[in-house]
Amino acid sequence: MSTTYSISDLAREFDLTTRAIRFYEDMGLLQPARSGPGGRNRVYSGRDRTRLKLTLRAKRLGLSLTEAKDIIDMYDSPRDTGAQLKKFLVVLAEHRKQLDEQMADLQANLDEVKAHEKEARTLLARIEKGASATAGSKQHAA
């Protein structure tokens, strides 16, 4: 018999709430069997565990749940692996482009912050130099 998991097992293993796992189920990413009275208990298979792991990996990469589902579903179908990999590369290329744009925006913001810091330090140095010169001339006058 193959290994099965309860919702609590998966929540503990992946540091998720059971609510998050149920949400992934609602999105069609997981398809647990049901057991117990009225099918109240979810029974997750090794396949569900793998799909959850892939979903979390896709999230870390910044993919939407829909994109994650599309890619994960491709591996469940008997279609050509080459086409699946091409689709995956297209999704990754789009995501890389978004990240590159965000990185450029962040770099521009960082450059602006550095320029303001430099300007503020220069002004502060002038103020402090002027204050010490004024204090020094007051001492000579006394």
N, C-alpha and C. Protein backbone atom coordinates (compact mmCIF):
# COMPACT_ATOMS: atom_id res chain seq x y z
N MET A 1 0.84 -1.19 0.00
CA MET A 1 0.00 0.00 0.00
C MET A 1 0.88 1.24 0.00
N SER A 2 0.50 2.25 -0.77
CA SER A 2 1.31 3.45 -0.86
C SER A 2 1.07 4.37 0.34
N THR A 3 2.03 5.22 0.59
CA THR A 3 1.96 6.14 1.72
C THR A 3 0.88 7.18 1.49
N THR A 4 0.13 7.46 2.54
CA THR A 4 -0.89 8.52 2.49
C THR A 4 -0.61 9.51 3.60
N TYR A 5 -1.20 10.69 3.47
CA TYR A 5 -0.97 11.78 4.41
C TYR A 5 -2.29 12.42 4.78
N SER A 6 -2.38 12.86 6.01
CA SER A 6 -3.55 13.66 6.43
C SER A 6 -3.24 15.12 6.12
N ILE A 7 -4.25 15.95 6.20
CA ILE A 7 -4.05 17.38 5.97
C ILE A 7 -3.09 17.95 7.02
N SER A 8 -3.18 17.42 8.24
CA SER A 8 -2.28 17.88 9.32
C SER A 8 -0.84 17.47 9.04
N ASP A 9 -0.65 16.27 8.50
CA ASP A 9 0.71 15.81 8.15
C ASP A 9 1.36 16.78 7.16
N LEU A 10 0.63 17.11 6.11
CA LEU A 10 1.18 18.00 5.08
C LEU A 10 1.37 19.41 5.62
N ALA A 11 0.43 19.88 6.43
CA ALA A 11 0.55 21.22 7.00
C ALA A 11 1.81 21.31 7.86
N ARG A 12 2.04 20.30 8.64
CA ARG A 12 3.23 20.27 9.51
C ARG A 12 4.51 20.19 8.67
N GLU A 13 4.53 19.29 7.71
CA GLU A 13 5.73 19.09 6.89
C GLU A 13 6.14 20.34 6.12
N PHE A 14 5.15 21.05 5.57
CA PHE A 14 5.44 22.20 4.71
C PHE A 14 5.23 23.54 5.41
N ASP A 15 4.96 23.50 6.72
CA ASP A 15 4.75 24.71 7.51
C ASP A 15 3.66 25.59 6.90
N LEU A 16 2.52 24.97 6.66
CA LEU A 16 1.36 25.66 6.08
C LEU A 16 0.18 25.51 7.04
N THR A 17 -0.82 26.33 6.84
CA THR A 17 -2.07 26.13 7.57
C THR A 17 -2.93 25.13 6.80
N THR A 18 -3.81 24.47 7.51
CA THR A 18 -4.72 23.54 6.82
C THR A 18 -5.62 24.33 5.87
N ARG A 19 -5.88 25.57 6.22
CA ARG A 19 -6.71 26.42 5.34
C ARG A 19 -6.01 26.64 4.00
N ALA A 20 -4.69 26.86 4.04
CA ALA A 20 -3.93 27.05 2.78
C ALA A 20 -4.00 25.79 1.93
N ILE A 21 -3.88 24.64 2.57
CA ILE A 21 -3.93 23.38 1.82
C ILE A 21 -5.32 23.20 1.20
N ARG A 22 -6.37 23.54 1.95
CA ARG A 22 -7.73 23.44 1.39
C ARG A 22 -7.90 24.41 0.23
N PHE A 23 -7.26 25.59 0.32
CA PHE A 23 -7.32 26.56 -0.78
C PHE A 23 -6.67 25.97 -2.04
N TYR A 24 -5.50 25.34 -1.87
CA TYR A 24 -4.84 24.71 -3.02
C TYR A 24 -5.73 23.61 -3.60
N GLU A 25 -6.45 22.94 -2.74
CA GLU A 25 -7.40 21.92 -3.20
C GLU A 25 -8.52 22.57 -4.02
N ASP A 26 -9.05 23.68 -3.51
CA ASP A 26 -10.11 24.41 -4.23
C ASP A 26 -9.63 24.89 -5.60
N MET A 27 -8.32 25.22 -5.69
CA MET A 27 -7.75 25.69 -6.96
C MET A 27 -7.49 24.53 -7.93
N GLY A 28 -7.69 23.29 -7.46
CA GLY A 28 -7.50 22.13 -8.31
C GLY A 28 -6.06 21.62 -8.32
N LEU A 29 -5.24 22.14 -7.43
CA LEU A 29 -3.84 21.70 -7.38
C LEU A 29 -3.70 20.36 -6.66
N LEU A 30 -4.58 20.08 -5.72
CA LEU A 30 -4.56 18.83 -4.96
C LEU A 30 -5.92 18.16 -5.10
N GLN A 31 -5.91 16.84 -5.11
CA GLN A 31 -7.16 16.09 -5.26
C GLN A 31 -7.15 14.91 -4.30
N PRO A 32 -7.33 15.19 -3.01
CA PRO A 32 -7.29 14.09 -2.04
C PRO A 32 -8.51 13.19 -2.15
N ALA A 33 -8.31 11.94 -1.76
CA ALA A 33 -9.43 11.01 -1.63
C ALA A 33 -10.15 11.38 -0.34
N ARG A 34 -11.34 10.86 -0.16
CA ARG A 34 -12.12 11.13 1.06
C ARG A 34 -12.37 9.83 1.79
N SER A 35 -12.37 9.93 3.12
CA SER A 35 -12.69 8.75 3.92
C SER A 35 -13.49 9.19 5.13
N GLY A 36 -13.91 8.22 5.91
CA GLY A 36 -14.67 8.52 7.12
C GLY A 36 -16.12 8.82 6.83
N PRO A 37 -16.88 9.12 7.89
CA PRO A 37 -18.32 9.41 7.74
C PRO A 37 -18.55 10.60 6.81
N GLY A 38 -19.28 10.37 5.78
CA GLY A 38 -19.63 11.45 4.85
C GLY A 38 -18.44 11.98 4.07
N GLY A 39 -17.33 11.25 4.07
CA GLY A 39 -16.14 11.71 3.34
C GLY A 39 -15.50 12.94 3.95
N ARG A 40 -15.62 13.07 5.27
CA ARG A 40 -15.11 14.27 5.96
C ARG A 40 -13.59 14.35 5.99
N ASN A 41 -12.92 13.21 6.01
CA ASN A 41 -11.47 13.20 6.14
C ASN A 41 -10.79 13.16 4.77
N ARG A 42 -9.83 14.06 4.60
CA ARG A 42 -9.06 14.08 3.37
C ARG A 42 -7.88 13.12 3.50
N VAL A 43 -7.63 12.37 2.45
CA VAL A 43 -6.50 11.44 2.43
C VAL A 43 -5.65 11.81 1.21
N TYR A 44 -4.46 12.35 1.48
CA TYR A 44 -3.58 12.82 0.41
C TYR A 44 -2.59 11.72 0.02
N SER A 45 -2.36 11.61 -1.26
CA SER A 45 -1.44 10.59 -1.80
C SER A 45 -0.04 11.18 -1.95
N GLY A 46 0.90 10.34 -2.30
CA GLY A 46 2.24 10.81 -2.61
C GLY A 46 2.23 11.80 -3.77
N ARG A 47 1.32 11.57 -4.71
CA ARG A 47 1.16 12.48 -5.85
C ARG A 47 0.73 13.86 -5.37
N ASP A 48 -0.23 13.91 -4.42
CA ASP A 48 -0.68 15.19 -3.86
C ASP A 48 0.48 15.90 -3.15
N ARG A 49 1.26 15.11 -2.41
CA ARG A 49 2.40 15.69 -1.68
C ARG A 49 3.39 16.31 -2.67
N THR A 50 3.67 15.60 -3.76
CA THR A 50 4.59 16.11 -4.78
C THR A 50 4.02 17.37 -5.43
N ARG A 51 2.73 17.35 -5.73
CA ARG A 51 2.10 18.52 -6.34
C ARG A 51 2.16 19.72 -5.39
N LEU A 52 1.98 19.48 -4.10
CA LEU A 52 2.07 20.56 -3.12
C LEU A 52 3.49 21.12 -3.09
N LYS A 53 4.46 20.24 -3.09
CA LYS A 53 5.87 20.66 -3.08
C LYS A 53 6.19 21.50 -4.32
N LEU A 54 5.71 21.06 -5.49
CA LEU A 54 5.93 21.81 -6.73
C LEU A 54 5.21 23.15 -6.72
N THR A 55 4.02 23.17 -6.14
CA THR A 55 3.26 24.41 -6.03
C THR A 55 4.02 25.43 -5.19
N LEU A 56 4.55 24.99 -4.08
CA LEU A 56 5.30 25.90 -3.19
C LEU A 56 6.58 26.37 -3.87
N ARG A 57 7.22 25.50 -4.62
CA ARG A 57 8.42 25.89 -5.37
C ARG A 57 8.06 26.95 -6.42
N ALA A 58 6.95 26.76 -7.12
CA ALA A 58 6.51 27.73 -8.12
C ALA A 58 6.20 29.08 -7.47
N LYS A 59 5.58 29.03 -6.30
CA LYS A 59 5.30 30.28 -5.58
C LYS A 59 6.59 31.02 -5.22
N ARG A 60 7.59 30.26 -4.77
CA ARG A 60 8.88 30.88 -4.43
C ARG A 60 9.51 31.53 -5.66
N LEU A 61 9.27 30.95 -6.84
CA LEU A 61 9.78 31.53 -8.08
C LEU A 61 8.96 32.75 -8.50
N GLY A 62 7.83 32.97 -7.82
CA GLY A 62 7.00 34.12 -8.14
C GLY A 62 5.90 33.84 -9.15
N LEU A 63 5.67 32.58 -9.46
CA LEU A 63 4.61 32.24 -10.41
C LEU A 63 3.25 32.31 -9.71
N SER A 64 2.24 32.63 -10.47
CA SER A 64 0.88 32.63 -9.92
C SER A 64 0.45 31.18 -9.73
N LEU A 65 -0.59 30.98 -8.93
CA LEU A 65 -1.10 29.62 -8.73
C LEU A 65 -1.65 29.04 -10.03
N THR A 66 -2.21 29.89 -10.86
CA THR A 66 -2.73 29.43 -12.15
C THR A 66 -1.59 28.94 -13.03
N GLU A 67 -0.49 29.72 -13.07
CA GLU A 67 0.67 29.29 -13.86
C GLU A 67 1.24 27.99 -13.29
N ALA A 68 1.31 27.91 -11.97
CA ALA A 68 1.82 26.69 -11.32
C ALA A 68 0.96 25.50 -11.70
N LYS A 69 -0.35 25.67 -11.63
CA LYS A 69 -1.28 24.58 -11.95
C LYS A 69 -1.11 24.14 -13.41
N ASP A 70 -1.01 25.10 -14.31
CA ASP A 70 -0.85 24.76 -15.73
C ASP A 70 0.40 23.92 -15.95
N ILE A 71 1.48 24.32 -15.32
CA ILE A 71 2.75 23.61 -15.51
C ILE A 71 2.69 22.23 -14.85
N ILE A 72 2.19 22.17 -13.63
CA ILE A 72 2.11 20.89 -12.92
C ILE A 72 1.17 19.93 -13.65
N ASP A 73 0.05 20.45 -14.14
CA ASP A 73 -0.90 19.61 -14.87
C ASP A 73 -0.28 19.02 -16.13
N MET A 74 0.64 19.76 -16.76
CA MET A 74 1.29 19.25 -17.97
C MET A 74 2.02 17.94 -17.68
N TYR A 75 2.60 17.83 -16.51
CA TYR A 75 3.37 16.63 -16.17
C TYR A 75 2.47 15.44 -15.84
N ASP A 76 1.18 15.72 -15.57
CA ASP A 76 0.23 14.63 -15.31
C ASP A 76 -0.34 14.05 -16.59
N SER A 77 -0.18 14.78 -17.68
CA SER A 77 -0.78 14.31 -18.93
C SER A 77 0.25 13.53 -19.74
N PRO A 78 -0.22 12.66 -20.61
CA PRO A 78 0.71 11.84 -21.40
C PRO A 78 1.24 12.57 -22.64
N ARG A 79 1.09 13.88 -22.70
CA ARG A 79 1.53 14.62 -23.88
C ARG A 79 3.04 14.63 -24.02
N ASP A 80 3.49 15.18 -25.10
CA ASP A 80 4.91 15.27 -25.43
C ASP A 80 5.66 16.11 -24.39
N THR A 81 6.70 15.55 -23.82
CA THR A 81 7.50 16.24 -22.81
C THR A 81 8.17 17.48 -23.39
N GLY A 82 8.57 17.43 -24.64
CA GLY A 82 9.20 18.59 -25.29
C GLY A 82 8.29 19.80 -25.27
N ALA A 83 7.01 19.60 -25.59
CA ALA A 83 6.05 20.71 -25.58
C ALA A 83 5.87 21.25 -24.17
N GLN A 84 5.88 20.35 -23.19
CA GLN A 84 5.74 20.78 -21.79
C GLN A 84 6.91 21.66 -21.38
N LEU A 85 8.09 21.23 -21.74
CA LEU A 85 9.28 21.99 -21.38
C LEU A 85 9.32 23.34 -22.09
N LYS A 86 8.87 23.38 -23.34
CA LYS A 86 8.80 24.66 -24.07
C LYS A 86 7.85 25.62 -23.37
N LYS A 87 6.70 25.13 -22.94
CA LYS A 87 5.73 25.96 -22.22
C LYS A 87 6.35 26.48 -20.91
N PHE A 88 7.03 25.60 -20.20
CA PHE A 88 7.67 25.98 -18.95
C PHE A 88 8.72 27.07 -19.20
N LEU A 89 9.49 26.93 -20.27
CA LEU A 89 10.50 27.94 -20.60
C LEU A 89 9.87 29.28 -20.94
N VAL A 90 8.72 29.27 -21.61
CA VAL A 90 8.02 30.52 -21.93
C VAL A 90 7.57 31.21 -20.64
N VAL A 91 6.99 30.44 -19.73
CA VAL A 91 6.53 31.00 -18.46
C VAL A 91 7.72 31.56 -17.68
N LEU A 92 8.81 30.82 -17.64
CA LEU A 92 9.99 31.30 -16.92
C LEU A 92 10.58 32.55 -17.56
N ALA A 93 10.58 32.63 -18.88
CA ALA A 93 11.10 33.81 -19.58
C ALA A 93 10.27 35.04 -19.25
N GLU A 94 8.94 34.88 -19.24
CA GLU A 94 8.06 35.99 -18.89
C GLU A 94 8.32 36.44 -17.46
N HIS A 95 8.48 35.48 -16.57
CA HIS A 95 8.72 35.81 -15.17
C HIS A 95 10.09 36.49 -15.00
N ARG A 96 11.09 35.99 -15.71
CA ARG A 96 12.41 36.61 -15.64
C ARG A 96 12.35 38.07 -16.11
N LYS A 97 11.59 38.33 -17.17
CA LYS A 97 11.45 39.69 -17.68
C LYS A 97 10.85 40.60 -16.62
N GLN A 98 9.82 40.12 -15.93
CA GLN A 98 9.20 40.91 -14.86
C GLN A 98 10.21 41.19 -13.75
N LEU A 99 10.96 40.17 -13.36
CA LEU A 99 11.94 40.34 -12.29
C LEU A 99 13.04 41.32 -12.70
N ASP A 100 13.49 41.25 -13.96
CA ASP A 100 14.51 42.18 -14.46
C ASP A 100 14.00 43.61 -14.40
N GLU A 101 12.74 43.82 -14.78
CA GLU A 101 12.15 45.15 -14.72
C GLU A 101 12.05 45.65 -13.28
N GLN A 102 11.64 44.77 -12.38
CA GLN A 102 11.57 45.15 -10.97
C GLN A 102 12.95 45.47 -10.42
N MET A 103 13.94 44.69 -10.84
CA MET A 103 15.31 44.92 -10.38
C MET A 103 15.81 46.28 -10.87
N ALA A 104 15.51 46.63 -12.11
CA ALA A 104 15.92 47.92 -12.65
C ALA A 104 15.26 49.06 -11.87
N ASP A 105 13.97 48.90 -11.55
CA ASP A 105 13.27 49.92 -10.76
C ASP A 105 13.89 50.06 -9.38
N LEU A 106 14.20 48.93 -8.75
CA LEU A 106 14.82 48.96 -7.43
C LEU A 106 16.20 49.62 -7.49
N GLN A 107 16.97 49.32 -8.53
CA GLN A 107 18.29 49.92 -8.66
C GLN A 107 18.18 51.43 -8.84
N ALA A 108 17.21 51.89 -9.62
CA ALA A 108 17.00 53.32 -9.80
C ALA A 108 16.64 53.98 -8.47
N ASN A 109 15.77 53.33 -7.69
CA ASN A 109 15.41 53.87 -6.36
C ASN A 109 16.62 53.92 -5.45
N LEU A 110 17.42 52.86 -5.47
CA LEU A 110 18.61 52.80 -4.63
C LEU A 110 19.60 53.89 -5.02
N ASP A 111 19.78 54.11 -6.31
CA ASP A 111 20.68 55.17 -6.77
C ASP A 111 20.19 56.54 -6.30
N GLU A 112 18.89 56.75 -6.34
CA GLU A 112 18.32 58.02 -5.89
C GLU A 112 18.53 58.21 -4.39
N VAL A 113 18.34 57.16 -3.60
CA VAL A 113 18.57 57.23 -2.16
C VAL A 113 20.03 57.57 -1.89
N LYS A 114 20.94 56.92 -2.59
CA LYS A 114 22.37 57.19 -2.40
C LYS A 114 22.71 58.64 -2.73
N ALA A 115 22.12 59.18 -3.77
CA ALA A 115 22.37 60.58 -4.14
C ALA A 115 21.87 61.53 -3.05
N HIS A 116 20.68 61.24 -2.50
CA HIS A 116 20.15 62.08 -1.42
C HIS A 116 21.00 61.97 -0.16
N GLU A 117 21.49 60.77 0.13
CA GLU A 117 22.38 60.58 1.28
C GLU A 117 23.65 61.41 1.13
N LYS A 118 24.24 61.36 -0.05
CA LYS A 118 25.47 62.10 -0.31
C LYS A 118 25.24 63.60 -0.15
N GLU A 119 24.14 64.08 -0.72
CA GLU A 119 23.80 65.50 -0.63
C GLU A 119 23.58 65.92 0.83
N ALA A 120 22.86 65.07 1.59
CA ALA A 120 22.60 65.39 3.00
C ALA A 120 23.90 65.41 3.80
N ARG A 121 24.80 64.47 3.53
CA ARG A 121 26.09 64.43 4.25
C ARG A 121 26.93 65.68 3.93
N THR A 122 26.91 66.09 2.67
CA THR A 122 27.66 67.29 2.27
C THR A 122 27.11 68.53 2.98
N LEU A 123 25.78 68.66 3.01
CA LEU A 123 25.16 69.80 3.69
C LEU A 123 25.45 69.78 5.18
N LEU A 124 25.37 68.60 5.78
CA LEU A 124 25.64 68.47 7.22
C LEU A 124 27.09 68.84 7.52
N ALA A 125 28.01 68.42 6.68
CA ALA A 125 29.42 68.75 6.89
C ALA A 125 29.63 70.25 6.82
N ARG A 126 28.97 70.93 5.89
CA ARG A 126 29.08 72.40 5.78
C ARG A 126 28.54 73.07 7.03
N ILE A 127 27.38 72.57 7.51
CA ILE A 127 26.76 73.15 8.71
C ILE A 127 27.69 72.97 9.91
N GLU A 128 28.21 71.77 10.07
CA GLU A 128 29.08 71.49 11.21
C GLU A 128 30.39 72.27 11.11
N LYS A 129 30.91 72.44 9.91
CA LYS A 129 32.14 73.21 9.71
C LYS A 129 31.89 74.68 10.04
N GLY A 130 30.73 75.18 9.59
CA GLY A 130 30.37 76.57 9.88
C GLY A 130 30.15 76.80 11.37
N ALA A 131 29.54 75.83 12.04
CA ALA A 131 29.27 75.95 13.48
C ALA A 131 30.58 75.95 14.26
N SER A 132 31.53 75.11 13.86
CA SER A 132 32.80 75.05 14.59
C SER A 132 33.62 76.30 14.31
N ALA A 133 33.54 76.85 13.10
CA ALA A 133 34.27 78.08 12.78
C ALA A 133 33.68 79.24 13.58
N THR A 134 32.36 79.30 13.72
CA THR A 134 31.70 80.35 14.48
C THR A 134 32.07 80.24 15.96
N ALA A 135 32.10 79.03 16.49
CA ALA A 135 32.46 78.81 17.89
C ALA A 135 33.91 79.20 18.12
N GLY A 136 34.79 78.92 17.16
CA GLY A 136 36.20 79.26 17.28
C GLY A 136 36.42 80.76 17.27
N SER A 137 35.70 81.51 16.44
CA SER A 137 35.87 82.98 16.38
C SER A 137 35.29 83.63 17.62
N LYS A 138 34.29 83.03 18.25
CA LYS A 138 33.72 83.57 19.50
C LYS A 138 34.73 83.42 20.63
N GLN A 139 35.49 82.34 20.61
CA GLN A 139 36.50 82.11 21.67
C GLN A 139 37.63 83.14 21.53
N HIS A 140 38.02 83.45 20.32
CA HIS A 140 39.11 84.42 20.11
C HIS A 140 38.64 85.83 20.49
N ALA A 141 37.38 86.14 20.32
CA ALA A 141 36.85 87.47 20.64
C ALA A 141 36.79 87.67 22.15
N ALA A 142 36.67 86.60 22.91
CA ALA A 142 36.53 86.72 24.37
C ALA A 142 37.84 86.90 25.00
